[in-house]
Amino acid sequence: MKFTQLKYFQTVCKYNNLTRAAEELHISQPGLTHVIHELEQEFDLTLFLRQNKGLILTKKGQQFLNETNLLLEQVDSFVSRMKLLGQVNQGIQFGLSPASATLFFPPILQEFHRQYPQVKVDVVENGSMTNHQRVLDGKLDIALLSSDSPMSSAFGSYKIAVTRICLYLSKEHPLAKKKIVSLKDIGGIPLVLLSEDSFLTTNTLKTCAQYKITPKIILTTNQITIIKQLIQNNIAGTLLFHGTIPDDTLYQAIPVQEFRKAYIYLVWNQYNPVSTAVKHLIKAAEKVYPRPVVDSYCNSRDLENQILNN
């Protein structure tokens, strides 16, 4: 018995039809019939009943299929783990921005390391603009990027979340009681923003320019701790994705009327070979986020009500 024979058997069971199975497997129907006959002879089993409408699994054939599925799943898992052994020392170069590092990366890493604790993940922290180029240049294996539009066709991508940029203020600030703010409200507030290569800062400056607003930027930094301290002491506000700073008694997040929805993508260069380790990291992300997380502030009807009641 060979594993190839078992995979052929699985495909025949998928269609209950030798012709369709042979077409999918790209072999001749007589050749596939011979494979099934060999399995039946080797194990002294009748796997199928032959009828005019096609094939029907026998009771023992169904038991054989169950065991085949279990065995091939174990083989696939074994092959994946062994391929990863050769990549342990290589690791994964993972690009993160300060915002995505706190919001969406930890659950992905936790799930990946639960399955593959031997693979090292090296985090390279830059703004989305820099990481965007590093993925294209092949200097990063994969990254979490922010955008207000779909990813370029140069990327393979998986959408993690739909979110919104919020103004973060101290709970003591006069604007903290508002349900929603406009860029005009922000114009006079001292702001501490992420570095200029971040999507958040680039998008903020672009949107402010469209509305002829000049933001009062007093500091740029990628240190979230410094940003939180300045907000807490009511020295400045900031613009971050909702949830970047957890809700508590010190900070208030307020949606900004003029900002569009933003999207968080897991991206890789689809024109470069993707390692087995990266493929499994993508699968871990898909398991953690089977569908995009949609932030509560992205509900347009709720925002309309907030604007009317503001």
Protein backbone atom coordinates (compact mmCIF):
# COMPACT_ATOMS: atom_id res chain seq x y z
CA MET A 1 0.00 0.00 0.00
CA LYS A 2 1.19 3.50 -0.84
CA PHE A 3 -0.07 6.83 0.43
CA THR A 4 -0.77 7.81 -3.18
CA GLN A 5 -3.22 4.90 -3.45
CA LEU A 6 -5.06 6.15 -0.37
CA LYS A 7 -5.30 9.67 -1.78
CA TYR A 8 -6.70 8.24 -5.00
CA PHE A 9 -9.24 6.29 -2.94
CA GLN A 10 -10.26 9.51 -1.13
CA THR A 11 -10.88 11.24 -4.45
CA VAL A 12 -13.03 8.38 -5.75
CA CYS A 13 -15.09 8.63 -2.54
CA LYS A 14 -15.44 12.38 -3.10
CA TYR A 15 -17.26 11.86 -6.41
CA ASN A 16 -18.47 8.26 -6.19
CA ASN A 17 -17.51 8.24 -9.84
CA LEU A 18 -14.32 6.88 -11.40
CA THR A 19 -14.43 9.13 -14.47
CA ARG A 20 -14.71 12.40 -12.52
CA ALA A 21 -12.10 11.27 -9.99
CA ALA A 22 -9.68 10.30 -12.77
CA GLU A 23 -10.13 13.72 -14.39
CA GLU A 24 -9.26 15.50 -11.14
CA LEU A 25 -6.24 13.25 -10.54
CA HIS A 26 -5.07 13.55 -14.17
CA ILE A 27 -4.77 9.80 -14.65
CA SER A 28 -6.64 7.35 -16.88
CA GLN A 29 -9.84 5.74 -15.66
CA PRO A 30 -8.44 2.21 -16.18
CA GLY A 31 -5.37 3.19 -14.15
CA LEU A 32 -7.56 4.46 -11.30
CA THR A 33 -9.72 1.32 -11.46
CA HIS A 34 -6.54 -0.74 -11.12
CA VAL A 35 -5.49 1.22 -7.99
CA ILE A 36 -8.84 0.56 -6.29
CA HIS A 37 -8.64 -3.11 -7.27
CA GLU A 38 -5.15 -3.37 -5.74
CA LEU A 39 -6.39 -1.93 -2.43
CA GLU A 40 -9.33 -4.34 -2.35
CA GLN A 41 -7.02 -7.29 -3.00
CA GLU A 42 -4.39 -6.22 -0.46
CA PHE A 43 -6.89 -5.85 2.37
CA ASP A 44 -9.37 -8.50 1.16
CA LEU A 45 -12.19 -5.95 1.20
CA THR A 46 -14.96 -4.89 -1.13
CA LEU A 47 -14.77 -1.11 -0.92
CA PHE A 48 -17.46 -0.21 -3.46
CA LEU A 49 -20.61 -1.60 -4.95
CA ARG A 50 -20.68 -0.95 -8.70
CA GLN A 51 -24.03 0.36 -9.96
CA ASN A 52 -25.21 2.04 -13.15
CA LYS A 53 -25.43 5.43 -11.42
CA GLY A 54 -21.91 5.16 -10.03
CA LEU A 55 -20.14 3.73 -7.01
CA ILE A 56 -21.54 3.22 -3.50
CA LEU A 57 -19.26 2.71 -0.51
CA THR A 58 -19.84 -0.52 1.34
CA LYS A 59 -20.03 -0.49 5.14
CA LYS A 60 -16.44 -1.72 5.33
CA GLY A 61 -15.53 0.78 2.63
CA GLN A 62 -16.83 3.58 4.86
CA GLN A 63 -14.74 2.28 7.76
CA PHE A 64 -11.73 2.14 5.44
CA LEU A 65 -12.39 5.77 4.38
CA ASN A 66 -12.60 6.93 8.00
CA GLU A 67 -9.26 5.33 8.80
CA THR A 68 -7.75 6.69 5.58
CA ASN A 69 -8.82 10.25 6.43
CA LEU A 70 -7.33 9.96 9.91
CA LEU A 71 -4.05 8.52 8.63
CA LEU A 72 -3.56 11.08 5.85
CA GLU A 73 -4.30 13.96 8.22
CA GLN A 74 -1.55 12.64 10.50
CA VAL A 75 0.82 12.29 7.53
CA ASP A 76 0.13 15.85 6.36
CA SER A 77 0.74 17.14 9.88
CA PHE A 78 3.99 15.17 10.10
CA VAL A 79 5.22 16.53 6.75
CA SER A 80 4.43 20.11 7.79
CA ARG A 81 6.25 19.73 11.12
CA MET A 82 9.30 18.21 9.47
CA LYS A 83 9.45 21.00 6.88
CA LEU A 84 9.34 23.51 9.71
CA LEU A 85 12.34 21.90 11.40
CA GLY A 86 14.56 23.20 8.62
CA GLN A 87 13.22 26.73 9.10
CA VAL A 88 13.61 27.04 12.86
CA ASN A 89 16.91 28.89 12.62
CA GLN A 90 15.65 31.11 9.80
CA GLY A 91 12.65 32.40 11.73
CA ILE A 92 9.99 34.75 10.37
CA GLN A 93 10.59 38.45 9.76
CA PHE A 94 7.27 40.01 10.81
CA GLY A 95 6.60 43.71 10.22
CA LEU A 96 4.45 45.54 12.74
CA SER A 97 3.36 49.10 13.36
CA PRO A 98 2.93 50.35 16.95
CA ALA A 99 -0.87 50.30 16.62
CA SER A 100 -1.18 46.80 15.15
CA ALA A 101 1.37 45.47 17.65
CA THR A 102 -1.00 46.09 20.53
CA LEU A 103 -4.30 45.36 18.81
CA PHE A 104 -4.12 42.32 16.56
CA PHE A 105 -0.68 40.72 16.69
CA PRO A 106 -0.63 39.06 20.15
CA PRO A 107 -3.52 36.60 19.49
CA ILE A 108 -1.95 35.56 16.17
CA LEU A 109 1.44 34.94 17.79
CA GLN A 110 -0.15 33.03 20.67
CA GLU A 111 -1.99 30.67 18.30
CA PHE A 112 1.06 30.18 16.06
CA HIS A 113 3.41 29.41 18.95
CA ARG A 114 0.86 27.07 20.49
CA GLN A 115 1.25 24.89 17.41
CA TYR A 116 4.87 25.66 16.44
CA PRO A 117 6.80 26.76 19.54
CA GLN A 118 10.14 25.97 17.87
CA VAL A 119 9.80 28.69 15.19
CA LYS A 120 11.20 32.10 16.13
CA VAL A 121 9.31 35.21 15.05
CA ASP A 122 11.45 38.35 14.73
CA VAL A 123 9.33 41.49 14.99
CA VAL A 124 10.46 44.48 12.93
CA GLU A 125 8.60 47.56 14.12
CA ASN A 126 8.09 50.40 11.64
CA GLY A 127 5.20 52.42 10.29
CA SER A 128 2.91 50.82 7.71
CA MET A 129 4.45 52.86 4.88
CA THR A 130 7.95 51.50 5.58
CA ASN A 131 6.76 47.94 6.15
CA HIS A 132 4.73 48.13 2.93
CA GLN A 133 7.94 48.71 0.96
CA ARG A 134 9.95 46.16 2.95
CA VAL A 135 7.46 43.42 2.09
CA LEU A 136 7.71 44.34 -1.59
CA ASP A 137 11.53 44.33 -1.37
CA GLY A 138 11.55 40.89 0.27
CA LYS A 139 13.09 42.22 3.49
CA LEU A 140 10.02 41.15 5.47
CA ASP A 141 8.26 37.80 5.16
CA ILE A 142 4.91 39.13 6.30
CA ALA A 143 3.41 42.21 7.95
CA LEU A 144 0.29 43.74 9.43
CA LEU A 145 -0.49 46.83 7.37
CA SER A 146 -3.14 49.52 7.67
CA SER A 147 -4.92 51.07 4.70
CA ASP A 148 -8.10 52.92 3.77
CA SER A 149 -8.36 51.00 0.48
CA PRO A 150 -7.84 47.43 -0.82
CA MET A 151 -4.29 46.09 -0.94
CA SER A 152 -2.26 46.22 -4.16
CA SER A 153 -2.30 43.15 -6.41
CA ALA A 154 1.41 42.71 -5.60
CA PHE A 155 0.37 41.47 -2.16
CA GLY A 156 -1.26 38.34 -0.97
CA SER A 157 -3.51 39.55 1.82
CA TYR A 158 -5.98 38.53 4.50
CA LYS A 159 -8.29 41.15 6.02
CA ILE A 160 -8.05 41.11 9.81
CA ALA A 161 -10.20 44.06 10.85
CA VAL A 162 -12.26 47.09 9.90
CA THR A 163 -11.64 49.92 12.32
CA ARG A 164 -11.82 53.67 12.74
CA ILE A 165 -9.42 56.43 13.72
CA CYS A 166 -10.37 58.07 17.01
CA LEU A 167 -9.24 61.10 18.94
CA TYR A 168 -7.88 60.05 22.33
CA LEU A 169 -8.10 62.59 25.12
CA SER A 170 -7.84 62.71 28.86
CA LYS A 171 -11.20 62.21 30.55
CA GLU A 172 -10.58 65.68 32.04
CA HIS A 173 -10.47 67.40 28.63
CA PRO A 174 -13.54 69.54 27.75
CA LEU A 175 -14.12 67.62 24.50
CA ALA A 176 -14.05 64.23 26.23
CA LYS A 177 -17.82 64.33 26.77
CA LYS A 178 -18.61 64.62 23.06
CA LYS A 179 -19.89 61.55 21.21
CA ILE A 180 -18.13 62.52 17.98
CA VAL A 181 -15.72 65.30 16.97
CA SER A 182 -14.79 67.02 13.72
CA LEU A 183 -11.39 68.09 12.41
CA LYS A 184 -12.30 71.67 13.33
CA ASP A 185 -12.57 70.54 16.97
CA ILE A 186 -9.11 68.97 16.72
CA GLY A 187 -7.45 72.00 15.10
CA GLY A 188 -6.57 73.70 18.38
CA ILE A 189 -5.60 70.59 20.37
CA PRO A 190 -1.89 69.81 20.85
CA LEU A 191 -1.31 66.41 19.26
CA VAL A 192 1.27 63.69 19.72
CA LEU A 193 1.26 61.40 16.69
CA LEU A 194 3.03 58.28 15.53
CA SER A 195 6.05 58.61 13.24
CA GLU A 196 5.58 60.11 9.79
CA ASP A 197 5.85 56.71 8.06
CA SER A 198 2.77 55.42 9.87
CA PHE A 199 -0.55 55.09 8.05
CA LEU A 200 -2.29 56.91 10.90
CA THR A 201 -0.12 60.02 10.65
CA THR A 202 -0.01 60.01 6.84
CA ASN A 203 -3.80 59.65 6.66
CA THR A 204 -4.30 62.32 9.31
CA LEU A 205 -2.16 64.87 7.45
CA LYS A 206 -3.81 64.04 4.11
CA THR A 207 -7.34 64.36 5.51
CA CYS A 208 -6.53 67.57 7.37
CA ALA A 209 -5.12 69.07 4.16
CA GLN A 210 -8.33 68.18 2.31
CA TYR A 211 -10.35 70.15 4.88
CA LYS A 212 -7.74 72.96 5.13
CA ILE A 213 -7.03 72.18 8.78
CA THR A 214 -3.51 72.56 10.18
CA PRO A 215 -3.01 70.11 13.06
CA LYS A 216 -1.02 71.31 16.06
CA ILE A 217 1.60 68.53 16.29
CA ILE A 218 3.94 68.90 19.26
CA LEU A 219 5.63 65.46 19.11
CA THR A 220 5.95 62.35 16.95
CA THR A 221 6.90 59.05 18.56
CA ASN A 222 6.23 55.33 18.18
CA GLN A 223 6.29 54.83 21.94
CA ILE A 224 2.68 54.17 22.97
CA THR A 225 3.71 54.51 26.63
CA ILE A 226 4.84 58.12 26.07
CA ILE A 227 1.64 58.89 24.16
CA LYS A 228 -0.50 57.49 26.99
CA GLN A 229 1.41 59.54 29.57
CA LEU A 230 0.89 62.79 27.66
CA ILE A 231 -2.83 62.09 27.30
CA GLN A 232 -3.21 61.06 30.92
CA ASN A 233 -1.62 64.34 32.05
CA ASN A 234 -3.91 66.29 29.68
CA ILE A 235 -0.90 67.68 27.80
CA ALA A 236 -1.95 66.43 24.37
CA GLY A 237 -4.35 64.26 22.45
CA THR A 238 -3.59 61.66 19.81
CA LEU A 239 -5.17 59.92 16.83
CA LEU A 240 -5.11 56.12 16.95
CA PHE A 241 -7.28 53.20 15.95
CA HIS A 242 -10.13 52.57 18.34
CA GLY A 243 -8.96 50.07 20.94
CA THR A 244 -5.23 50.81 20.68
CA ILE A 245 -5.44 52.22 24.20
CA PRO A 246 -7.82 50.11 26.31
CA ASP A 247 -10.85 51.85 27.77
CA ASP A 248 -10.39 52.89 31.38
CA THR A 249 -11.04 55.84 33.66
CA LEU A 250 -8.13 57.91 32.28
CA TYR A 251 -8.71 58.03 28.52
CA GLN A 252 -11.60 58.78 26.21
CA ALA A 253 -11.74 57.62 22.58
CA ILE A 254 -13.98 59.72 20.31
CA PRO A 255 -14.63 58.94 16.61
CA VAL A 256 -13.67 61.68 14.14
CA GLN A 257 -16.40 62.51 11.65
CA GLU A 258 -14.21 63.08 8.58
CA PHE A 259 -12.10 59.93 8.75
CA ARG A 260 -13.04 56.97 6.55
CA LYS A 261 -13.00 53.39 7.73
CA ALA A 262 -9.55 51.85 7.92
CA TYR A 263 -8.59 48.24 7.26
CA ILE A 264 -5.96 46.03 8.85
CA TYR A 265 -4.46 43.41 6.53
CA LEU A 266 -2.02 40.58 7.00
CA VAL A 267 0.11 40.82 3.84
CA TRP A 268 2.94 39.01 2.07
CA ASN A 269 4.61 39.37 -1.32
CA GLN A 270 2.71 36.99 -3.55
CA TYR A 271 5.48 37.02 -6.17
CA ASN A 272 8.08 35.67 -3.74
CA PRO A 273 8.15 32.08 -2.43
CA VAL A 274 6.27 31.80 0.87
CA SER A 275 7.95 29.54 3.43
CA THR A 276 6.10 26.75 5.20
CA ALA A 277 6.45 28.66 8.47
CA VAL A 278 4.78 31.76 7.00
CA LYS A 279 1.98 29.63 5.51
CA HIS A 280 1.26 28.24 8.98
CA LEU A 281 1.34 31.73 10.48
CA ILE A 282 -1.28 32.80 7.93
CA LYS A 283 -3.39 29.78 8.91
CA ALA A 284 -3.04 30.77 12.58
CA ALA A 285 -4.32 34.26 11.73
CA GLU A 286 -7.26 32.78 9.81
CA LYS A 287 -8.12 30.63 12.81
CA VAL A 288 -7.95 33.55 15.25
CA TYR A 289 -9.82 35.90 12.89
CA PRO A 290 -12.09 33.70 10.73
CA ARG A 291 -13.82 36.89 9.60
CA PRO A 292 -12.77 40.55 9.88
CA VAL A 293 -13.30 42.16 13.27
CA VAL A 294 -15.59 45.14 12.68
CA ASP A 295 -15.18 47.89 15.24
CA SER A 296 -18.34 49.24 16.84
CA TYR A 297 -17.47 52.76 15.66
CA CYS A 298 -17.68 51.58 12.04
CA ASN A 299 -21.46 51.31 12.20
CA SER A 300 -22.49 54.19 9.95
CA ARG A 301 -26.03 54.39 11.36
CA ASP A 302 -24.72 54.76 14.91
CA LEU A 303 -22.32 57.47 13.77
CA GLU A 304 -25.12 59.33 11.97
CA ASN A 305 -27.15 59.30 15.17
CA GLN A 306 -24.16 60.57 17.13
CA ILE A 307 -23.64 63.41 14.65
CA LEU A 308 -27.32 64.42 14.88
CA ASN A 309 -27.30 64.27 18.67
CA ASN A 310 -23.91 65.89 19.15
